[in-house]
Amino acid sequence: MFLIFPITDEKSFMENLKQNCIPELILNSDFEQYENFLKERRKLMALKIKEYYFSL
């Protein structure tokens, strides 16, 4: 079951980015950094999957 929480401040926004494996570099990037964004997101997603796998 998923819970939906409103993003009401910067702290909840940053937590939302973390939960969704969105690298913080998106905050100061433009389209030219898209490849870097994808590379960093892949790393974050792989880490999240690894942590989940080892928690089983």
C-alpha atoms as a PDB file:
ATOM      1  CA  MET A   1       0.000   0.000   0.000  1.00  0.00           C
ATOM      2  CA  PHE A   2       1.309   3.426  -0.918  1.00  0.00           C
ATOM      3  CA  LEU A   3       0.694   6.513   1.134  1.00  0.00           C
ATOM      4  CA  ILE A   4       0.527   9.927  -0.433  1.00  0.00           C
ATOM      5  CA  PHE A   5       1.914  12.821   1.562  1.00  0.00           C
ATOM      6  CA  PRO A   6       1.692  16.418   0.442  1.00  0.00           C
ATOM      7  CA  ILE A   7       4.884  18.282  -0.261  1.00  0.00           C
ATOM      8  CA  THR A   8       4.498  21.311   1.940  1.00  0.00           C
ATOM      9  CA  ASP A   9       8.060  22.470   2.522  1.00  0.00           C
ATOM     10  CA  GLU A  10      11.613  22.071   1.315  1.00  0.00           C
ATOM     11  CA  LYS A  11      12.343  19.223   3.722  1.00  0.00           C
ATOM     12  CA  SER A  12       9.429  17.121   2.438  1.00  0.00           C
ATOM     13  CA  PHE A  13      10.387  18.009  -1.138  1.00  0.00           C
ATOM     14  CA  MET A  14      13.949  16.787  -0.623  1.00  0.00           C
ATOM     15  CA  GLU A  15      12.678  13.604   1.038  1.00  0.00           C
ATOM     16  CA  ASN A  16      10.386  13.027  -1.936  1.00  0.00           C
ATOM     17  CA  LEU A  17      13.336  13.345  -4.317  1.00  0.00           C
ATOM     18  CA  LYS A  18      15.263  10.819  -2.233  1.00  0.00           C
ATOM     19  CA  GLN A  19      12.371   8.341  -2.088  1.00  0.00           C
ATOM     20  CA  ASN A  20      11.988   8.517  -5.865  1.00  0.00           C
ATOM     21  CA  CYS A  21      15.717   8.224  -6.605  1.00  0.00           C
ATOM     22  CA  ILE A  22      15.891  11.703  -8.123  1.00  0.00           C
ATOM     23  CA  PRO A  23      19.402  13.112  -7.758  1.00  0.00           C
ATOM     24  CA  GLU A  24      19.618  16.565  -6.216  1.00  0.00           C
ATOM     25  CA  LEU A  25      21.587  17.792  -9.210  1.00  0.00           C
ATOM     26  CA  ILE A  26      18.243  18.192 -10.964  1.00  0.00           C
ATOM     27  CA  LEU A  27      17.691  21.329  -8.913  1.00  0.00           C
ATOM     28  CA  ASN A  28      20.484  23.231 -10.651  1.00  0.00           C
ATOM     29  CA  SER A  29      20.637  21.540 -14.034  1.00  0.00           C
ATOM     30  CA  ASP A  30      19.345  22.188 -17.484  1.00  0.00           C
ATOM     31  CA  PHE A  31      18.732  19.879 -20.418  1.00  0.00           C
ATOM     32  CA  GLU A  32      22.452  19.711 -21.179  1.00  0.00           C
ATOM     33  CA  GLN A  33      23.029  17.768 -17.957  1.00  0.00           C
ATOM     34  CA  TYR A  34      20.327  15.209 -18.735  1.00  0.00           C
ATOM     35  CA  GLU A  35      22.833  12.401 -19.375  1.00  0.00           C
ATOM     36  CA  ASN A  36      24.481  13.109 -16.004  1.00  0.00           C
ATOM     37  CA  PHE A  37      21.053  13.081 -14.376  1.00  0.00           C
ATOM     38  CA  LEU A  38      20.288   9.662 -15.883  1.00  0.00           C
ATOM     39  CA  LYS A  39      23.665   8.286 -14.796  1.00  0.00           C
ATOM     40  CA  GLU A  40      23.182   9.448 -11.208  1.00  0.00           C
ATOM     41  CA  ARG A  41      19.588   8.217 -11.130  1.00  0.00           C
ATOM     42  CA  ARG A  42      20.662   4.761 -12.293  1.00  0.00           C
ATOM     43  CA  LYS A  43      23.133   4.636  -9.398  1.00  0.00           C
ATOM     44  CA  LEU A  44      20.487   5.662  -6.879  1.00  0.00           C
ATOM     45  CA  MET A  45      17.976   3.170  -8.239  1.00  0.00           C
ATOM     46  CA  ALA A  46      20.541   0.353  -8.207  1.00  0.00           C
ATOM     47  CA  LEU A  47      21.393   1.145  -4.600  1.00  0.00           C
ATOM     48  CA  LYS A  48      17.725   1.157  -3.632  1.00  0.00           C
ATOM     49  CA  ILE A  49      17.156  -2.210  -5.328  1.00  0.00           C
ATOM     50  CA  LYS A  50      20.284  -3.654  -3.681  1.00  0.00           C
ATOM     51  CA  GLU A  51      19.169  -2.477  -0.232  1.00  0.00           C
ATOM     52  CA  TYR A  52      15.735  -3.954  -0.775  1.00  0.00           C
ATOM     53  CA  TYR A  53      17.153  -7.251  -2.032  1.00  0.00           C
ATOM     54  CA  PHE A  54      19.395  -7.664   1.012  1.00  0.00           C
ATOM     55  CA  SER A  55      16.518  -6.823   3.323  1.00  0.00           C
ATOM     56  CA  LEU A  56      14.560  -9.881   2.137  1.00  0.00           C
END
